[in-house]
Amino acid sequence: MTQLLTHLHHPTDTIRLDYDARLVRRKRLVTEAGRAVMLDLPTLTDLSHHAGLRLEDGTEIALEAAPEPVLVIRGDLPRLAWHIGNRHTPCQVEVDHLIIRDDHVLKGMLEGLGAGITPDTRPFHPEGGAYGHGRTMGHDHGPHDHDHTHDH
């Protein structure tokens, strides 16, 4: 059975996955060297929190975030982050910029708010959920769910 590892000792190959592909339960993955690996986990798992895999034969495979199209955002970061978060969009928060996956609708909105935006291709590591891990999935806010329609 394939094991998830938080630390690697001697990885011999690498699997690179974009943000969407790092959320898995059961999936066939392919290493950089072309080796097929079947991952069958008991629950849906975010591989972003794992350094790699140990296969049944003891082989260690590193897990890395693959470069993907993103937008690097500069400007009034608290205000821009609020608008990004209000749309439940995954966002990587850095000291002097924000990063989101490339999205032409959000790009237009952010430019309209005065953001400076630079398209780039790099690994994407957004913030985790409210407790520092996991993903912010969906729009359900639990028993006190709300909608975004407002009477003005």
N, C-alpha and C. Protein backbone atom coordinates (compact mmCIF):
# COMPACT_ATOMS: atom_id res chain seq x y z
N MET A 1 0.84 -1.18 0.00
CA MET A 1 0.00 0.00 0.00
C MET A 1 0.89 1.25 0.00
N THR A 2 0.53 2.24 -0.77
CA THR A 2 1.28 3.49 -0.86
C THR A 2 1.03 4.32 0.40
N GLN A 3 2.11 4.84 1.00
CA GLN A 3 2.02 5.67 2.20
C GLN A 3 2.33 7.11 1.87
N LEU A 4 1.62 8.02 2.52
CA LEU A 4 1.95 9.44 2.42
C LEU A 4 3.04 9.75 3.44
N LEU A 5 4.00 10.57 3.03
CA LEU A 5 5.13 10.92 3.91
C LEU A 5 5.17 12.42 4.14
N THR A 6 5.52 12.81 5.36
CA THR A 6 5.73 14.23 5.65
C THR A 6 7.20 14.60 5.51
N HIS A 7 8.10 13.60 5.56
CA HIS A 7 9.53 13.82 5.35
C HIS A 7 10.07 12.73 4.45
N LEU A 8 10.99 13.09 3.58
CA LEU A 8 11.61 12.12 2.67
C LEU A 8 13.04 11.86 3.10
N HIS A 9 13.49 10.66 2.84
CA HIS A 9 14.89 10.31 3.12
C HIS A 9 15.70 10.23 1.83
N HIS A 10 15.20 9.45 0.87
CA HIS A 10 15.93 9.25 -0.38
C HIS A 10 14.97 9.14 -1.57
N PRO A 11 14.34 10.26 -1.97
CA PRO A 11 13.43 10.18 -3.12
C PRO A 11 14.21 9.90 -4.39
N THR A 12 13.63 9.06 -5.24
CA THR A 12 14.28 8.71 -6.49
C THR A 12 13.55 9.26 -7.71
N ASP A 13 12.40 9.87 -7.49
CA ASP A 13 11.61 10.40 -8.59
C ASP A 13 10.68 11.48 -8.03
N THR A 14 9.97 12.16 -8.92
CA THR A 14 9.11 13.27 -8.50
C THR A 14 7.79 13.22 -9.26
N ILE A 15 6.72 13.60 -8.55
CA ILE A 15 5.42 13.82 -9.16
C ILE A 15 5.10 15.29 -8.94
N ARG A 16 4.82 16.02 -10.03
CA ARG A 16 4.45 17.44 -9.95
C ARG A 16 2.97 17.57 -10.29
N LEU A 17 2.23 18.24 -9.40
CA LEU A 17 0.79 18.38 -9.56
C LEU A 17 0.38 19.83 -9.37
N ASP A 18 -0.56 20.33 -10.20
CA ASP A 18 -1.06 21.68 -9.99
C ASP A 18 -2.02 21.67 -8.81
N TYR A 19 -2.52 22.85 -8.46
CA TYR A 19 -3.37 23.01 -7.27
C TYR A 19 -4.57 22.07 -7.29
N ASP A 20 -5.30 22.02 -8.39
CA ASP A 20 -6.47 21.15 -8.47
C ASP A 20 -6.10 19.68 -8.34
N ALA A 21 -5.03 19.27 -8.98
CA ALA A 21 -4.63 17.86 -9.00
C ALA A 21 -4.09 17.39 -7.65
N ARG A 22 -3.73 18.32 -6.76
CA ARG A 22 -3.21 17.92 -5.44
C ARG A 22 -4.32 17.49 -4.47
N LEU A 23 -5.57 17.66 -4.84
CA LEU A 23 -6.69 17.21 -4.01
C LEU A 23 -7.19 15.88 -4.60
N VAL A 24 -6.88 14.79 -3.93
CA VAL A 24 -7.16 13.46 -4.48
C VAL A 24 -7.69 12.49 -3.43
N ARG A 25 -8.31 11.46 -3.90
CA ARG A 25 -8.62 10.29 -3.10
C ARG A 25 -8.09 9.06 -3.83
N ARG A 26 -8.56 8.89 -5.04
CA ARG A 26 -8.10 7.74 -5.84
C ARG A 26 -7.74 8.27 -7.22
N LYS A 27 -6.46 8.06 -7.59
CA LYS A 27 -6.03 8.61 -8.87
C LYS A 27 -4.74 7.93 -9.32
N ARG A 28 -4.61 7.78 -10.63
CA ARG A 28 -3.37 7.29 -11.23
C ARG A 28 -2.48 8.51 -11.47
N LEU A 29 -1.29 8.51 -10.88
CA LEU A 29 -0.33 9.59 -11.03
C LEU A 29 0.86 9.08 -11.83
N VAL A 30 1.55 9.99 -12.50
CA VAL A 30 2.71 9.60 -13.28
C VAL A 30 3.90 10.44 -12.84
N THR A 31 5.02 9.78 -12.57
CA THR A 31 6.23 10.46 -12.12
C THR A 31 6.93 11.15 -13.29
N GLU A 32 7.89 11.99 -12.98
CA GLU A 32 8.67 12.67 -14.03
C GLU A 32 9.38 11.65 -14.92
N ALA A 33 9.75 10.50 -14.37
CA ALA A 33 10.44 9.47 -15.15
C ALA A 33 9.46 8.57 -15.91
N GLY A 34 8.15 8.80 -15.75
CA GLY A 34 7.17 8.03 -16.49
C GLY A 34 6.59 6.84 -15.76
N ARG A 35 6.91 6.66 -14.49
CA ARG A 35 6.38 5.53 -13.72
C ARG A 35 4.96 5.84 -13.26
N ALA A 36 4.05 4.91 -13.51
CA ALA A 36 2.66 5.07 -13.07
C ALA A 36 2.54 4.63 -11.62
N VAL A 37 1.83 5.44 -10.84
CA VAL A 37 1.61 5.15 -9.42
C VAL A 37 0.11 5.28 -9.16
N MET A 38 -0.48 4.23 -8.59
CA MET A 38 -1.91 4.29 -8.25
C MET A 38 -2.03 4.71 -6.80
N LEU A 39 -2.71 5.83 -6.59
CA LEU A 39 -2.93 6.34 -5.24
C LEU A 39 -4.37 6.03 -4.88
N ASP A 40 -4.58 5.34 -3.77
CA ASP A 40 -5.92 4.97 -3.31
C ASP A 40 -5.97 5.26 -1.81
N LEU A 41 -6.45 6.46 -1.46
CA LEU A 41 -6.48 6.91 -0.08
C LEU A 41 -7.86 6.71 0.52
N PRO A 42 -7.96 6.56 1.83
CA PRO A 42 -9.27 6.32 2.46
C PRO A 42 -10.21 7.53 2.39
N THR A 43 -9.65 8.74 2.32
CA THR A 43 -10.46 9.94 2.25
C THR A 43 -9.85 10.93 1.27
N LEU A 44 -10.63 11.91 0.85
CA LEU A 44 -10.14 12.99 0.01
C LEU A 44 -9.02 13.71 0.76
N THR A 45 -7.85 13.87 0.12
CA THR A 45 -6.66 14.38 0.79
C THR A 45 -5.99 15.45 -0.06
N ASP A 46 -5.54 16.51 0.61
CA ASP A 46 -4.76 17.55 -0.05
C ASP A 46 -3.29 17.16 0.05
N LEU A 47 -2.70 16.80 -1.08
CA LEU A 47 -1.29 16.36 -1.10
C LEU A 47 -0.31 17.49 -0.83
N SER A 48 -0.79 18.74 -0.80
CA SER A 48 0.08 19.88 -0.52
C SER A 48 0.77 19.76 0.83
N HIS A 49 0.18 19.00 1.75
CA HIS A 49 0.70 18.87 3.10
C HIS A 49 1.59 17.65 3.28
N HIS A 50 2.01 17.06 2.17
CA HIS A 50 2.84 15.85 2.22
C HIS A 50 4.06 16.03 1.34
N ALA A 51 5.19 15.54 1.81
CA ALA A 51 6.45 15.68 1.07
C ALA A 51 6.55 14.65 -0.05
N GLY A 52 5.89 13.50 0.13
CA GLY A 52 6.01 12.47 -0.88
C GLY A 52 5.25 11.21 -0.55
N LEU A 53 5.58 10.17 -1.32
CA LEU A 53 4.95 8.87 -1.20
C LEU A 53 6.02 7.80 -0.98
N ARG A 54 5.68 6.77 -0.22
CA ARG A 54 6.52 5.57 -0.15
C ARG A 54 5.70 4.45 -0.76
N LEU A 55 6.24 3.86 -1.84
CA LEU A 55 5.56 2.78 -2.52
C LEU A 55 5.78 1.47 -1.78
N GLU A 56 5.04 0.45 -2.17
CA GLU A 56 5.13 -0.86 -1.51
C GLU A 56 6.54 -1.42 -1.52
N ASP A 57 7.32 -1.13 -2.57
CA ASP A 57 8.70 -1.65 -2.65
C ASP A 57 9.70 -0.78 -1.89
N GLY A 58 9.22 0.26 -1.17
CA GLY A 58 10.09 1.13 -0.40
C GLY A 58 10.57 2.37 -1.14
N THR A 59 10.30 2.45 -2.43
CA THR A 59 10.70 3.61 -3.23
C THR A 59 10.00 4.86 -2.72
N GLU A 60 10.76 5.97 -2.59
CA GLU A 60 10.18 7.24 -2.19
C GLU A 60 10.07 8.16 -3.41
N ILE A 61 8.90 8.74 -3.57
CA ILE A 61 8.62 9.66 -4.67
C ILE A 61 8.28 11.03 -4.06
N ALA A 62 9.00 12.07 -4.46
CA ALA A 62 8.72 13.42 -3.97
C ALA A 62 7.46 13.97 -4.63
N LEU A 63 6.69 14.74 -3.86
CA LEU A 63 5.52 15.45 -4.38
C LEU A 63 5.84 16.94 -4.42
N GLU A 64 5.62 17.58 -5.56
CA GLU A 64 5.89 19.00 -5.71
C GLU A 64 4.73 19.69 -6.42
N ALA A 65 4.58 20.96 -6.13
CA ALA A 65 3.58 21.76 -6.82
C ALA A 65 4.11 22.09 -8.22
N ALA A 66 3.30 21.84 -9.22
CA ALA A 66 3.68 22.14 -10.60
C ALA A 66 3.45 23.61 -10.89
N PRO A 67 4.29 24.20 -11.72
CA PRO A 67 4.01 25.58 -12.15
C PRO A 67 2.69 25.63 -12.92
N GLU A 68 1.93 26.70 -12.70
CA GLU A 68 0.66 26.89 -13.41
C GLU A 68 0.42 28.38 -13.62
N PRO A 69 -0.46 28.75 -14.52
CA PRO A 69 -0.72 30.17 -14.79
C PRO A 69 -1.35 30.85 -13.56
N VAL A 70 -0.72 31.94 -13.12
CA VAL A 70 -1.21 32.69 -11.97
C VAL A 70 -1.16 34.19 -12.28
N LEU A 71 -1.81 34.95 -11.41
CA LEU A 71 -1.75 36.40 -11.47
C LEU A 71 -1.09 36.90 -10.19
N VAL A 72 -0.05 37.72 -10.33
CA VAL A 72 0.63 38.32 -9.19
C VAL A 72 0.04 39.72 -9.03
N ILE A 73 -0.49 39.99 -7.84
CA ILE A 73 -1.30 41.19 -7.60
C ILE A 73 -0.59 42.10 -6.60
N ARG A 74 -0.48 43.36 -6.98
CA ARG A 74 0.11 44.37 -6.09
C ARG A 74 -0.84 45.55 -5.97
N GLY A 75 -0.76 46.25 -4.86
CA GLY A 75 -1.61 47.41 -4.63
C GLY A 75 -2.04 47.46 -3.18
N ASP A 76 -3.25 47.92 -2.94
CA ASP A 76 -3.82 48.00 -1.60
C ASP A 76 -4.21 46.59 -1.17
N LEU A 77 -3.23 45.84 -0.66
CA LEU A 77 -3.42 44.40 -0.43
C LEU A 77 -4.58 44.06 0.51
N PRO A 78 -4.77 44.76 1.64
CA PRO A 78 -5.92 44.39 2.48
C PRO A 78 -7.25 44.51 1.73
N ARG A 79 -7.42 45.58 1.00
CA ARG A 79 -8.66 45.79 0.23
C ARG A 79 -8.80 44.75 -0.87
N LEU A 80 -7.72 44.50 -1.60
CA LEU A 80 -7.77 43.52 -2.69
C LEU A 80 -8.01 42.11 -2.15
N ALA A 81 -7.35 41.77 -1.02
CA ALA A 81 -7.55 40.45 -0.41
C ALA A 81 -9.00 40.28 0.04
N TRP A 82 -9.62 41.35 0.53
CA TRP A 82 -11.01 41.26 0.96
C TRP A 82 -11.89 40.90 -0.24
N HIS A 83 -11.68 41.55 -1.37
CA HIS A 83 -12.50 41.28 -2.55
C HIS A 83 -12.25 39.87 -3.09
N ILE A 84 -11.01 39.42 -3.05
CA ILE A 84 -10.69 38.05 -3.48
C ILE A 84 -11.38 37.05 -2.55
N GLY A 85 -11.25 37.26 -1.24
CA GLY A 85 -11.86 36.36 -0.27
C GLY A 85 -13.38 36.36 -0.34
N ASN A 86 -13.95 37.49 -0.66
CA ASN A 86 -15.41 37.59 -0.78
C ASN A 86 -15.92 36.72 -1.92
N ARG A 87 -15.05 36.35 -2.84
CA ARG A 87 -15.42 35.47 -3.94
C ARG A 87 -14.96 34.04 -3.70
N HIS A 88 -14.50 33.77 -2.48
CA HIS A 88 -14.08 32.42 -2.08
C HIS A 88 -13.05 31.85 -3.04
N THR A 89 -12.13 32.71 -3.46
CA THR A 89 -11.08 32.32 -4.39
C THR A 89 -9.81 31.98 -3.63
N PRO A 90 -9.20 30.82 -3.87
CA PRO A 90 -7.93 30.51 -3.22
C PRO A 90 -6.90 31.60 -3.52
N CYS A 91 -6.15 31.99 -2.50
CA CYS A 91 -5.20 33.10 -2.64
C CYS A 91 -3.93 32.81 -1.84
N GLN A 92 -2.81 33.00 -2.47
CA GLN A 92 -1.51 32.90 -1.80
C GLN A 92 -1.14 34.30 -1.33
N VAL A 93 -0.88 34.44 -0.04
CA VAL A 93 -0.60 35.75 0.55
C VAL A 93 0.89 35.87 0.85
N GLU A 94 1.52 36.86 0.24
CA GLU A 94 2.93 37.16 0.48
C GLU A 94 3.03 38.54 1.12
N VAL A 95 4.20 38.92 1.58
CA VAL A 95 4.39 40.20 2.27
C VAL A 95 3.99 41.39 1.39
N ASP A 96 4.39 41.37 0.12
CA ASP A 96 4.17 42.53 -0.74
C ASP A 96 3.31 42.25 -1.97
N HIS A 97 2.67 41.09 -2.02
CA HIS A 97 1.80 40.77 -3.15
C HIS A 97 0.89 39.58 -2.82
N LEU A 98 -0.12 39.41 -3.63
CA LEU A 98 -1.03 38.28 -3.56
C LEU A 98 -0.90 37.49 -4.85
N ILE A 99 -1.25 36.22 -4.81
CA ILE A 99 -1.22 35.38 -6.00
C ILE A 99 -2.53 34.59 -6.07
N ILE A 100 -3.19 34.64 -7.23
CA ILE A 100 -4.35 33.80 -7.49
C ILE A 100 -4.13 33.07 -8.81
N ARG A 101 -4.90 32.02 -9.03
CA ARG A 101 -4.83 31.37 -10.33
C ARG A 101 -5.36 32.32 -11.39
N ASP A 102 -4.83 32.19 -12.59
CA ASP A 102 -5.21 33.08 -13.69
C ASP A 102 -6.71 32.97 -13.94
N ASP A 103 -7.39 34.10 -13.89
CA ASP A 103 -8.84 34.16 -14.10
C ASP A 103 -9.15 35.53 -14.70
N HIS A 104 -9.62 35.57 -15.93
CA HIS A 104 -9.82 36.85 -16.61
C HIS A 104 -10.90 37.72 -15.95
N VAL A 105 -11.91 37.09 -15.35
CA VAL A 105 -12.97 37.86 -14.69
C VAL A 105 -12.41 38.55 -13.44
N LEU A 106 -11.68 37.78 -12.61
CA LEU A 106 -11.08 38.38 -11.41
C LEU A 106 -10.01 39.40 -11.77
N LYS A 107 -9.29 39.14 -12.84
CA LYS A 107 -8.27 40.10 -13.28
C LYS A 107 -8.93 41.45 -13.59
N GLY A 108 -10.02 41.42 -14.33
CA GLY A 108 -10.73 42.65 -14.67
C GLY A 108 -11.25 43.37 -13.44
N MET A 109 -11.82 42.60 -12.50
CA MET A 109 -12.33 43.20 -11.27
C MET A 109 -11.20 43.86 -10.49
N LEU A 110 -10.09 43.16 -10.33
CA LEU A 110 -8.97 43.68 -9.54
C LEU A 110 -8.33 44.89 -10.21
N GLU A 111 -8.21 44.86 -11.53
CA GLU A 111 -7.69 46.04 -12.24
C GLU A 111 -8.62 47.24 -12.03
N GLY A 112 -9.92 46.99 -12.02
CA GLY A 112 -10.89 48.04 -11.76
C GLY A 112 -10.77 48.63 -10.36
N LEU A 113 -10.21 47.84 -9.45
CA LEU A 113 -9.98 48.30 -8.07
C LEU A 113 -8.59 48.93 -7.91
N GLY A 114 -7.86 49.07 -9.01
CA GLY A 114 -6.56 49.73 -8.96
C GLY A 114 -5.37 48.81 -8.77
N ALA A 115 -5.57 47.50 -8.85
CA ALA A 115 -4.47 46.56 -8.65
C ALA A 115 -3.51 46.57 -9.83
N GLY A 116 -2.24 46.38 -9.53
CA GLY A 116 -1.25 46.09 -10.56
C GLY A 116 -1.17 44.58 -10.69
N ILE A 117 -1.31 44.06 -11.89
CA ILE A 117 -1.36 42.61 -12.09
C ILE A 117 -0.33 42.18 -13.11
N THR A 118 0.44 41.15 -12.75
CA THR A 118 1.43 40.57 -13.64
C THR A 118 1.12 39.09 -13.83
N PRO A 119 0.83 38.65 -15.06
CA PRO A 119 0.67 37.21 -15.29
C PRO A 119 2.02 36.51 -15.11
N ASP A 120 1.98 35.29 -14.59
CA ASP A 120 3.21 34.52 -14.38
C ASP A 120 2.85 33.04 -14.42
N THR A 121 3.86 32.20 -14.42
CA THR A 121 3.70 30.76 -14.31
C THR A 121 4.62 30.31 -13.19
N ARG A 122 4.02 29.77 -12.11
CA ARG A 122 4.80 29.33 -10.95
C ARG A 122 3.96 28.39 -10.11
N PRO A 123 4.58 27.65 -9.20
CA PRO A 123 3.79 26.83 -8.28
C PRO A 123 2.87 27.70 -7.44
N PHE A 124 1.65 27.23 -7.19
CA PHE A 124 0.64 27.98 -6.46
C PHE A 124 0.39 27.32 -5.11
N HIS A 125 0.59 28.09 -4.03
CA HIS A 125 0.43 27.59 -2.66
C HIS A 125 -0.51 28.52 -1.89
N PRO A 126 -1.83 28.42 -2.10
CA PRO A 126 -2.75 29.33 -1.40
C PRO A 126 -2.84 29.02 0.08
N GLU A 127 -3.36 30.01 0.82
CA GLU A 127 -3.59 29.84 2.25
C GLU A 127 -4.54 28.67 2.46
N GLY A 128 -4.40 28.02 3.62
CA GLY A 128 -5.31 26.94 3.98
C GLY A 128 -6.61 27.48 4.53
N GLY A 129 -7.39 26.61 5.10
CA GLY A 129 -8.68 27.01 5.67
C GLY A 129 -8.51 27.86 6.91
N ALA A 130 -9.62 28.13 7.56
CA ALA A 130 -9.65 29.04 8.71
C ALA A 130 -8.76 28.57 9.85
N TYR A 131 -8.44 27.31 9.92
CA TYR A 131 -7.62 26.79 11.01
C TYR A 131 -6.21 26.45 10.55
N GLY A 132 -5.80 27.00 9.39
CA GLY A 132 -4.43 26.86 8.93
C GLY A 132 -4.14 25.62 8.13
N HIS A 133 -5.12 24.81 7.84
CA HIS A 133 -4.89 23.63 7.01
C HIS A 133 -6.15 23.35 6.22
N GLY A 134 -6.03 22.42 5.32
CA GLY A 134 -7.19 22.08 4.50
C GLY A 134 -7.41 23.10 3.40
N ARG A 135 -8.55 23.00 2.78
CA ARG A 135 -8.89 23.90 1.68
C ARG A 135 -10.18 24.60 1.99
N THR A 136 -10.32 25.75 1.42
CA THR A 136 -11.59 26.46 1.53
C THR A 136 -12.43 26.03 0.34
N MET A 137 -13.25 25.02 0.54
CA MET A 137 -14.01 24.44 -0.56
C MET A 137 -15.47 24.84 -0.46
N GLY A 138 -16.04 25.14 -1.59
CA GLY A 138 -17.46 25.40 -1.66
C GLY A 138 -17.84 26.72 -1.01
N HIS A 139 -19.14 26.86 -0.81
CA HIS A 139 -19.64 28.11 -0.28
C HIS A 139 -20.52 27.87 0.95
N ASP A 140 -20.53 26.68 1.51
CA ASP A 140 -21.34 26.37 2.67
C ASP A 140 -20.67 26.93 3.92
N HIS A 141 -21.40 27.72 4.68
CA HIS A 141 -20.86 28.31 5.91
C HIS A 141 -21.44 27.62 7.13
N GLY A 142 -21.87 26.37 6.98
CA GLY A 142 -22.41 25.65 8.11
C GLY A 142 -23.86 26.02 8.38
N PRO A 143 -24.30 25.84 9.62
CA PRO A 143 -25.71 26.04 9.93
C PRO A 143 -26.18 27.49 9.79
N HIS A 144 -25.27 28.43 9.72
CA HIS A 144 -25.64 29.83 9.57
C HIS A 144 -25.28 30.34 8.19
N ASP A 145 -25.47 29.49 7.18
CA ASP A 145 -25.14 29.86 5.81
C ASP A 145 -25.87 31.14 5.42
N HIS A 146 -25.30 31.90 4.52
CA HIS A 146 -25.90 33.15 4.08
C HIS A 146 -25.77 33.27 2.57
N ASP A 147 -26.50 34.20 2.02
CA ASP A 147 -26.33 34.47 0.60
C ASP A 147 -25.66 35.84 0.45
N HIS A 148 -25.30 36.16 -0.76
CA HIS A 148 -24.59 37.42 -1.02
C HIS A 148 -25.48 38.45 -1.70
N THR A 149 -26.80 38.28 -1.58
CA THR A 149 -27.69 39.31 -2.10
C THR A 149 -27.90 40.33 -0.98
N HIS A 150 -27.89 41.58 -1.35
CA HIS A 150 -28.02 42.63 -0.36
C HIS A 150 -29.08 43.62 -0.82
N ASP A 151 -29.94 44.02 0.09
CA ASP A 151 -30.93 45.05 -0.21
C ASP A 151 -30.30 46.41 0.03
N HIS A 152 -30.21 47.21 -1.00
CA HIS A 152 -29.62 48.55 -0.86
C HIS A 152 -30.63 49.59 -1.23
